Amino acid sequence: MAIASYATAAVAITLVVARPRVGGRRLSPALSALGAAAVLGALEVIGLDTVREAARDLWQPFLTLASIMIMTYTATELGVLELWARRASRWAGTTRRAFSATFLLGVVTSTVLNNDAAILLLVPLVLAMVRRRYAEPARMAIPFAFAVFMAAGVAPFPVANPMNMVVAGFAGIGFNHYAAVMLPVALCVWLASFALLSFWFRAELATPIRAPTALPLELTRPRLAVMAILGLVLVAYALVAYLGGPLWVVAASGALLTAAAARTAGRPVLPLVVRGVSWQTLAFLAGVILLALGLKNQGLVGDLAGLYARTSATGIGILSAAGSALLNNHPMAYLNMLALADAGRDTACFLAALIGGDLGPRLLPIGSLAGLLWFERLHREGVEVSLATFVKVGAFVALPSLAAALAVLALLS
């Protein structure tokens, strides 16, 4: 049974990466993950008890994530992100400044919303800017696309990454404690990533840039309201966490308030909920977590727990990065969460595992949903990045960033 379970996981990972065409359409990652979970159900590796366990652990993070998606979609529909991008574009008088603005916009978006939102929202905006302002847009699109992807490094707050939120809640790591440690780590990673990317693409960053052709969008009341709500939500996370309250209430309130702001601009609320929530993303997360629980039932968590009991926090971070790159950071994070609890490891080890889970996906596109979305969005926009290029740039940026992040964590622990 164990062999069948591991084979099922291997096939699911292969399907997520390859996304073969079935009936003229590409197989979605969600269907691959849920299909694998269904196979494990048929093999009686997972049952109703496993589903109930997953639902008990995940309903609050999933509700929080869905609320963040609604806020993200509302901000997009009202032009808040386009407003940010256009103003940043007008400030960018040189390619280096434009690259810096793109990276900074990626940092802000992935921090306030989440890393998947940063990919979905910023890639088309940045590529549109590249087409307007460069004579060779195909050549210049690649460094700017990598700037968006690499800006979403270590999540400084648990809400910036769905699985970080799940693991932090399970391990009892509060919002403020998490932020006190991971914000300095994230800052270190941002600086290292920006410097390394700037060096790698130094030839492209010397390219002249054209003057902007689009005027900035007007800062209307609904847009200003949404920006204020997003800022208040971020502050409320820290306050509510300090008081011991539930973070999902903050996120849900933010979703309701942004939807109300959109309503004043003439946007109906129901489409914001139906279209704003990425049901495919939630289904994919549910599928891979059930898959991880199935592997747990076959003894993988016990094996990991035995390994982690003999490994330092730095070693756990490195192993987590490798596992996330090969398996995907969502199931790896869930397995790590259970294994570290069984091994009785401390908070520093949980945070090291999360750091590895955040940075490991820079090595291979299968490593995260954000990586898969990045490739798909670029393909839709007519920009092709080879797997070899992704791996070379990813390794050049991720490996030093991982070393620096784990060093900072060791100093703070």
Protein backbone atom coordinates (compact mmCIF):
# COMPACT_ATOMS: atom_id res chain seq x y z
CA MET A 1 0.00 0.00 0.00
CA ALA A 2 2.88 2.36 0.80
CA ILE A 3 4.34 1.85 -2.68
CA ALA A 4 0.96 2.60 -4.27
CA SER A 5 0.62 5.76 -2.18
CA TYR A 6 4.05 7.07 -3.11
CA ALA A 7 3.44 6.19 -6.77
CA THR A 8 0.15 8.10 -6.66
CA ALA A 9 1.93 11.15 -5.23
CA ALA A 10 4.64 10.90 -7.91
CA VAL A 11 2.05 10.73 -10.70
CA ALA A 12 0.16 13.70 -9.24
CA ILE A 13 3.33 15.80 -9.11
CA THR A 14 4.16 14.83 -12.71
CA LEU A 15 0.68 15.83 -13.87
CA VAL A 16 0.87 19.16 -12.03
CA VAL A 17 4.16 19.95 -13.76
CA ALA A 18 3.33 18.62 -17.24
CA ARG A 19 -0.34 19.69 -17.34
CA PRO A 20 -1.21 17.39 -20.27
CA ARG A 21 -4.13 18.18 -22.56
CA VAL A 22 -7.31 16.22 -21.90
CA GLY A 23 -10.18 16.81 -24.29
CA GLY A 24 -8.46 19.84 -25.77
CA ARG A 25 -7.88 21.53 -22.41
CA ARG A 26 -4.90 21.37 -20.07
CA LEU A 27 -5.38 19.39 -16.90
CA SER A 28 -5.49 21.80 -13.97
CA PRO A 29 -3.30 21.34 -10.86
CA ALA A 30 -6.49 21.19 -8.78
CA LEU A 31 -7.86 18.18 -10.68
CA SER A 32 -4.49 16.42 -10.47
CA ALA A 33 -4.30 16.91 -6.69
CA LEU A 34 -7.95 16.00 -6.04
CA GLY A 35 -7.64 12.99 -8.36
CA ALA A 36 -4.66 11.74 -6.37
CA ALA A 37 -6.61 12.22 -3.13
CA ALA A 38 -9.50 10.26 -4.62
CA VAL A 39 -7.14 7.40 -5.53
CA LEU A 40 -5.83 7.31 -1.97
CA GLY A 41 -9.43 7.25 -0.80
CA ALA A 42 -10.17 4.27 -3.06
CA LEU A 43 -7.08 2.53 -1.65
CA GLU A 44 -8.43 3.28 1.87
CA VAL A 45 -5.26 5.19 2.72
CA ILE A 46 -7.41 8.16 3.65
CA GLY A 47 -10.99 8.09 4.88
CA LEU A 48 -13.66 10.30 6.39
CA ASP A 49 -11.60 10.76 9.55
CA THR A 50 -8.76 12.18 7.44
CA VAL A 51 -11.14 14.56 5.67
CA ARG A 52 -12.56 15.72 9.01
CA GLU A 53 -9.03 16.25 10.34
CA ALA A 54 -8.13 18.38 7.33
CA ALA A 55 -11.37 20.37 7.60
CA ARG A 56 -10.81 21.03 11.30
CA ASP A 57 -7.27 22.30 10.69
CA LEU A 58 -8.01 24.29 7.55
CA TRP A 59 -11.39 26.01 7.72
CA GLN A 60 -10.06 29.17 9.35
CA PRO A 61 -7.00 29.53 7.06
CA PHE A 62 -9.19 28.81 4.02
CA LEU A 63 -11.76 31.42 5.06
CA THR A 64 -8.93 33.91 5.63
CA LEU A 65 -7.42 33.11 2.23
CA ALA A 66 -10.79 33.46 0.47
CA SER A 67 -11.29 36.84 2.16
CA ILE A 68 -7.83 37.99 1.02
CA MET A 69 -8.71 36.89 -2.53
CA ILE A 70 -11.87 39.00 -2.44
CA MET A 71 -9.88 42.02 -1.24
CA THR A 72 -7.33 41.40 -4.00
CA TYR A 73 -9.94 41.10 -6.73
CA THR A 74 -11.76 44.21 -5.51
CA ALA A 75 -8.52 46.20 -5.53
CA THR A 76 -7.91 45.04 -9.10
CA GLU A 77 -11.42 45.79 -10.30
CA LEU A 78 -11.27 49.32 -8.91
CA GLY A 79 -7.86 49.93 -10.50
CA VAL A 80 -5.90 50.29 -7.25
CA LEU A 81 -3.01 48.10 -8.41
CA GLU A 82 -2.96 49.69 -11.85
CA LEU A 83 -2.82 53.07 -10.12
CA TRP A 84 0.22 51.92 -8.13
CA ALA A 85 1.86 50.51 -11.25
CA ARG A 86 1.28 53.63 -13.37
CA ARG A 87 2.58 55.95 -10.70
CA ALA A 88 5.62 53.75 -10.22
CA SER A 89 6.12 53.70 -14.00
CA ARG A 90 6.09 57.50 -14.20
CA TRP A 91 8.63 57.70 -11.37
CA ALA A 92 10.90 55.24 -13.20
CA GLY A 93 12.94 57.44 -15.54
CA THR A 94 15.61 54.77 -16.13
CA THR A 95 15.49 51.01 -16.52
CA ARG A 96 17.18 50.49 -13.17
CA ARG A 97 14.59 52.65 -11.45
CA ALA A 98 11.78 50.86 -13.29
CA PHE A 99 13.25 47.52 -12.20
CA SER A 100 13.51 48.77 -8.61
CA ALA A 101 9.91 50.01 -8.70
CA THR A 102 8.72 46.66 -10.06
CA PHE A 103 10.53 44.73 -7.34
CA LEU A 104 9.20 47.05 -4.64
CA LEU A 105 5.65 46.76 -6.00
CA GLY A 106 6.04 42.97 -5.87
CA VAL A 107 7.22 43.16 -2.27
CA VAL A 108 4.29 45.35 -1.22
CA THR A 109 1.64 43.33 -3.07
CA SER A 110 2.88 39.93 -1.88
CA THR A 111 3.10 41.23 1.70
CA VAL A 112 -0.26 43.01 1.90
CA LEU A 113 -2.16 40.42 -0.17
CA ASN A 114 -0.20 37.21 -0.88
CA ASN A 115 2.39 35.78 -3.28
CA ASP A 116 -0.12 34.20 -5.67
CA ALA A 117 -1.98 37.50 -5.93
CA ALA A 118 1.27 39.30 -6.74
CA ILE A 119 1.88 36.95 -9.69
CA LEU A 120 -1.67 37.07 -11.04
CA LEU A 121 -2.05 40.82 -10.75
CA LEU A 122 1.38 42.29 -11.41
CA VAL A 123 2.72 40.16 -14.26
CA PRO A 124 0.21 41.49 -16.86
CA LEU A 125 0.62 45.07 -15.57
CA VAL A 126 4.40 44.92 -15.69
CA LEU A 127 4.46 43.31 -19.14
CA ALA A 128 2.12 46.02 -20.44
CA MET A 129 4.56 48.63 -19.13
CA VAL A 130 7.47 46.83 -20.80
CA ARG A 131 5.68 46.83 -24.16
CA ARG A 132 4.98 50.56 -23.91
CA ARG A 133 8.46 51.61 -22.89
CA TYR A 134 10.98 49.35 -24.66
CA ALA A 135 11.94 48.77 -28.26
CA GLU A 136 12.70 45.08 -27.50
CA PRO A 137 9.86 44.05 -25.18
CA ALA A 138 10.50 40.29 -25.59
CA ARG A 139 14.04 40.69 -24.24
CA MET A 140 13.13 43.10 -21.45
CA ALA A 141 10.07 41.16 -20.25
CA ILE A 142 12.17 38.41 -18.65
CA PRO A 143 14.07 40.48 -16.04
CA PHE A 144 10.90 42.33 -15.05
CA ALA A 145 8.94 39.08 -14.78
CA PHE A 146 11.64 37.62 -12.53
CA ALA A 147 11.53 40.79 -10.42
CA VAL A 148 7.83 40.12 -9.69
CA PHE A 149 8.41 36.44 -8.93
CA MET A 150 11.50 36.86 -6.74
CA ALA A 151 10.01 39.77 -4.77
CA ALA A 152 7.64 37.30 -3.10
CA GLY A 153 10.39 35.81 -0.91
CA VAL A 154 10.04 34.89 2.76
CA ALA A 155 6.57 35.89 3.95
CA PRO A 156 7.08 38.62 6.60
CA PHE A 157 3.56 38.00 7.96
CA PRO A 158 1.79 34.61 8.09
CA VAL A 159 -1.13 35.94 6.00
CA ALA A 160 1.24 36.58 3.08
CA ASN A 161 1.45 32.85 2.34
CA PRO A 162 -1.45 30.41 2.76
CA MET A 163 0.63 27.53 4.12
CA ASN A 164 2.59 29.76 6.50
CA MET A 165 -0.74 30.75 7.98
CA VAL A 166 -1.74 27.09 8.40
CA VAL A 167 1.57 26.06 9.97
CA ALA A 168 1.85 29.10 12.26
CA GLY A 169 -1.66 28.50 13.57
CA PHE A 170 -0.95 24.80 14.17
CA ALA A 171 2.35 25.53 15.96
CA GLY A 172 0.81 28.28 18.10
CA ILE A 173 3.05 30.98 16.62
CA GLY A 174 1.16 34.26 17.00
CA PHE A 175 1.05 36.94 14.34
CA ASN A 176 3.29 39.32 16.29
CA HIS A 177 5.88 36.71 17.27
CA TYR A 178 6.01 35.47 13.69
CA ALA A 179 6.42 39.02 12.35
CA ALA A 180 9.08 39.95 14.92
CA VAL A 181 11.33 37.15 13.62
CA MET A 182 10.35 36.82 9.98
CA LEU A 183 10.20 40.51 9.08
CA PRO A 184 13.98 40.94 9.56
CA VAL A 185 14.53 37.64 7.72
CA ALA A 186 12.31 38.81 4.85
CA LEU A 187 14.13 42.15 4.67
CA CYS A 188 17.46 40.34 4.38
CA VAL A 189 16.08 38.11 1.61
CA TRP A 190 14.60 41.07 -0.28
CA LEU A 191 17.91 42.93 -0.25
CA ALA A 192 19.89 39.85 -1.27
CA SER A 193 17.42 38.90 -4.01
CA PHE A 194 17.34 42.41 -5.45
CA ALA A 195 21.12 42.67 -5.51
CA LEU A 196 21.57 39.25 -7.11
CA LEU A 197 18.86 39.82 -9.71
CA SER A 198 20.31 43.23 -10.57
CA PHE A 199 23.71 41.63 -11.13
CA TRP A 200 22.33 38.75 -13.21
CA PHE A 201 20.37 41.09 -15.50
CA ARG A 202 22.94 43.93 -15.48
CA ALA A 203 23.12 44.03 -19.30
CA GLU A 204 19.35 44.38 -19.67
CA LEU A 205 19.18 47.04 -16.96
CA ALA A 206 21.52 49.25 -19.00
CA THR A 207 18.88 49.45 -21.78
CA PRO A 208 17.39 52.95 -22.39
CA ILE A 209 13.74 53.45 -21.47
CA ARG A 210 11.10 55.47 -23.30
CA ALA A 211 9.07 58.24 -21.71
CA PRO A 212 5.70 57.11 -20.23
CA THR A 213 2.68 57.44 -22.49
CA ALA A 214 -0.17 56.81 -20.03
CA LEU A 215 -1.38 59.36 -17.50
CA PRO A 216 -1.77 58.30 -13.85
CA LEU A 217 -5.22 57.13 -12.83
CA GLU A 218 -7.29 59.45 -10.66
CA LEU A 219 -7.24 58.74 -6.93
CA THR A 220 -11.01 58.40 -6.51
CA ARG A 221 -12.82 57.94 -3.20
CA PRO A 222 -13.49 54.18 -3.71
CA ARG A 223 -9.83 53.60 -4.59
CA LEU A 224 -8.66 55.61 -1.61
CA ALA A 225 -11.12 53.71 0.60
CA VAL A 226 -9.80 50.33 -0.54
CA MET A 227 -6.20 51.42 0.03
CA ALA A 228 -7.12 52.60 3.53
CA ILE A 229 -8.96 49.35 4.28
CA LEU A 230 -5.97 47.25 3.21
CA GLY A 231 -3.73 49.30 5.48
CA LEU A 232 -6.15 49.01 8.40
CA VAL A 233 -6.46 45.25 7.90
CA LEU A 234 -2.69 44.86 8.13
CA VAL A 235 -2.61 46.89 11.37
CA ALA A 236 -5.61 44.98 12.73
CA TYR A 237 -3.84 41.65 12.19
CA ALA A 238 -1.14 42.69 14.67
CA LEU A 239 -3.60 44.15 17.20
CA VAL A 240 -6.04 41.23 17.12
CA ALA A 241 -3.18 38.72 17.34
CA TYR A 242 -1.80 40.57 20.36
CA LEU A 243 -5.23 40.38 22.02
CA GLY A 244 -5.53 36.69 21.15
CA GLY A 245 -8.42 37.12 18.72
CA PRO A 246 -9.08 35.17 15.48
CA LEU A 247 -7.37 36.52 12.36
CA TRP A 248 -10.06 35.17 10.05
CA VAL A 249 -12.47 37.73 11.52
CA VAL A 250 -10.10 40.54 10.47
CA ALA A 251 -9.76 39.17 6.94
CA ALA A 252 -13.50 38.57 6.56
CA SER A 253 -14.24 42.10 7.81
CA GLY A 254 -11.74 43.51 5.32
CA ALA A 255 -13.43 41.59 2.50
CA LEU A 256 -16.85 42.95 3.50
CA LEU A 257 -15.53 46.53 3.72
CA THR A 258 -13.75 46.42 0.35
CA ALA A 259 -16.86 44.93 -1.23
CA ALA A 260 -18.89 47.79 0.28
CA ALA A 261 -16.42 50.30 -1.17
CA ALA A 262 -16.79 48.66 -4.57
CA ARG A 263 -20.57 48.85 -4.22
CA THR A 264 -20.34 52.64 -3.86
CA ALA A 265 -18.49 52.64 -7.19
CA GLY A 266 -21.36 50.78 -8.86
CA ARG A 267 -19.81 47.28 -8.71
CA PRO A 268 -22.22 44.51 -7.60
CA VAL A 269 -21.01 42.49 -4.63
CA LEU A 270 -21.89 38.93 -5.72
CA PRO A 271 -19.48 38.85 -8.71
CA LEU A 272 -16.70 40.03 -6.40
CA VAL A 273 -17.21 36.89 -4.33
CA VAL A 274 -17.84 34.45 -7.18
CA ARG A 275 -15.03 35.71 -9.44
CA GLY A 276 -12.73 37.00 -6.72
CA VAL A 277 -12.17 33.69 -4.96
CA SER A 278 -9.82 31.37 -6.85
CA TRP A 279 -11.72 28.15 -6.30
CA GLN A 280 -9.05 26.27 -8.26
CA THR A 281 -6.42 27.43 -5.77
CA LEU A 282 -8.49 26.34 -2.77
CA ALA A 283 -9.24 22.99 -4.41
CA PHE A 284 -5.54 22.49 -5.18
CA LEU A 285 -4.62 23.25 -1.56
CA ALA A 286 -7.27 20.85 -0.28
CA GLY A 287 -6.08 18.13 -2.64
CA VAL A 288 -2.39 18.38 -1.80
CA ILE A 289 -3.10 18.48 1.94
CA LEU A 290 -5.21 15.33 1.69
CA LEU A 291 -2.36 13.81 -0.32
CA ALA A 292 0.09 14.80 2.43
CA LEU A 293 -2.19 13.26 5.08
CA GLY A 294 -2.30 10.06 3.05
CA LEU A 295 1.50 9.92 2.98
CA LYS A 296 1.45 10.62 6.71
CA ASN A 297 -0.77 7.58 7.19
CA GLN A 298 1.86 5.54 5.36
CA GLY A 299 4.59 6.52 7.80
CA LEU A 300 6.33 9.40 6.00
CA VAL A 301 5.75 11.80 8.88
CA GLY A 302 7.35 9.35 11.30
CA ASP A 303 10.41 9.05 9.07
CA LEU A 304 10.68 12.84 8.80
CA ALA A 305 10.21 13.24 12.55
CA GLY A 306 13.09 10.84 13.20
CA LEU A 307 15.29 12.79 10.78
CA TYR A 308 14.29 16.20 12.19
CA ALA A 309 14.93 15.07 15.76
CA ARG A 310 18.63 14.76 14.84
CA THR A 311 18.84 17.89 12.65
CA SER A 312 19.52 21.54 13.49
CA ALA A 313 17.12 24.33 12.54
CA THR A 314 19.44 25.27 9.67
CA GLY A 315 19.42 21.69 8.41
CA ILE A 316 15.64 21.59 8.64
CA GLY A 317 15.45 24.76 6.54
CA ILE A 318 17.72 23.26 3.87
CA LEU A 319 15.81 19.95 3.77
CA SER A 320 12.51 21.83 3.59
CA ALA A 321 13.77 23.92 0.66
CA ALA A 322 14.83 20.80 -1.24
CA GLY A 323 11.57 19.00 -0.44
CA SER A 324 9.48 22.01 -1.42
CA ALA A 325 11.29 22.36 -4.75
CA LEU A 326 10.69 18.69 -5.61
CA LEU A 327 7.32 17.96 -3.97
CA ASN A 328 5.64 21.42 -3.85
CA ASN A 329 5.74 23.65 -0.81
CA HIS A 330 2.10 23.07 0.21
CA PRO A 331 2.27 19.31 0.92
CA MET A 332 5.86 19.67 2.18
CA ALA A 333 4.79 22.36 4.66
CA TYR A 334 1.96 20.18 5.93
CA LEU A 335 4.25 17.15 6.32
CA ASN A 336 6.85 19.32 8.05
CA MET A 337 4.21 20.69 10.40
CA LEU A 338 3.21 17.22 11.56
CA ALA A 339 6.76 15.85 11.65
CA LEU A 340 8.16 18.75 13.67
CA ALA A 341 5.32 18.41 16.17
CA ASP A 342 6.02 14.68 16.53
CA ALA A 343 9.73 15.42 16.95
CA GLY A 344 8.96 17.99 19.66
CA ARG A 345 10.97 20.73 17.95
CA ASP A 346 10.78 24.39 18.97
CA THR A 347 9.45 27.49 17.21
CA ALA A 348 12.78 28.22 15.49
CA CYS A 349 12.59 24.87 13.70
CA PHE A 350 9.05 25.57 12.49
CA LEU A 351 10.18 28.98 11.17
CA ALA A 352 13.24 27.43 9.50
CA ALA A 353 10.94 24.97 7.74
CA LEU A 354 8.74 27.85 6.56
CA ILE A 355 11.78 29.74 5.27
CA GLY A 356 12.79 26.67 3.27
CA GLY A 357 9.23 26.33 1.99
CA ASP A 358 9.18 29.97 0.87
CA LEU A 359 12.57 29.94 -0.91
CA GLY A 360 12.77 26.35 -2.18
CA PRO A 361 10.14 26.96 -4.91
CA ARG A 362 12.55 29.40 -6.58
CA LEU A 363 14.58 26.38 -7.69
CA LEU A 364 11.87 24.55 -9.68
CA PRO A 365 8.46 25.72 -10.97
CA ILE A 366 6.69 22.70 -9.44
CA GLY A 367 7.77 24.07 -6.05
CA SER A 368 4.80 26.39 -5.66
CA LEU A 369 1.46 27.30 -7.12
CA ALA A 370 2.88 30.80 -7.62
CA GLY A 371 5.60 29.36 -9.89
CA LEU A 372 3.06 27.46 -11.97
CA LEU A 373 0.85 30.55 -12.19
CA TRP A 374 3.90 32.63 -13.20
CA PHE A 375 4.72 30.33 -16.12
CA GLU A 376 1.08 30.17 -17.21
CA ARG A 377 0.60 33.95 -17.06
CA LEU A 378 3.78 34.58 -19.04
CA HIS A 379 2.71 32.03 -21.65
CA ARG A 380 -0.66 33.80 -22.02
CA GLU A 381 1.19 37.07 -22.56
CA GLY A 382 3.42 35.52 -25.24
CA VAL A 383 6.59 35.45 -23.11
CA GLU A 384 8.47 32.14 -23.00
CA VAL A 385 10.99 31.35 -20.24
CA SER A 386 12.80 28.04 -20.54
CA LEU A 387 13.06 25.64 -17.62
CA ALA A 388 16.86 25.95 -17.81
CA THR A 389 16.65 29.74 -17.43
CA PHE A 390 14.29 29.41 -14.48
CA VAL A 391 16.61 26.94 -12.73
CA LYS A 392 19.77 28.96 -13.37
CA VAL A 393 18.30 32.28 -12.21
CA GLY A 394 16.47 30.57 -9.34
CA ALA A 395 19.59 28.83 -8.03
CA PHE A 396 21.71 31.98 -8.39
CA VAL A 397 19.22 33.97 -6.29
CA ALA A 398 17.71 31.34 -3.97
CA LEU A 399 20.77 29.57 -2.61
CA PRO A 400 22.55 32.67 -1.22
CA SER A 401 19.20 34.08 -0.05
CA LEU A 402 18.43 30.84 1.80
CA ALA A 403 21.84 30.86 3.49
CA ALA A 404 21.39 34.50 4.55
CA ALA A 405 17.82 33.91 5.80
CA LEU A 406 18.79 30.92 7.94
CA ALA A 407 21.78 32.83 9.33
CA VAL A 408 19.51 35.72 10.38
CA LEU A 409 17.05 33.27 11.94
CA ALA A 410 19.89 31.69 13.93
CA LEU A 411 20.91 35.12 15.24
CA LEU A 412 17.34 35.96 16.27
CA SER A 413 16.54 32.60 17.88
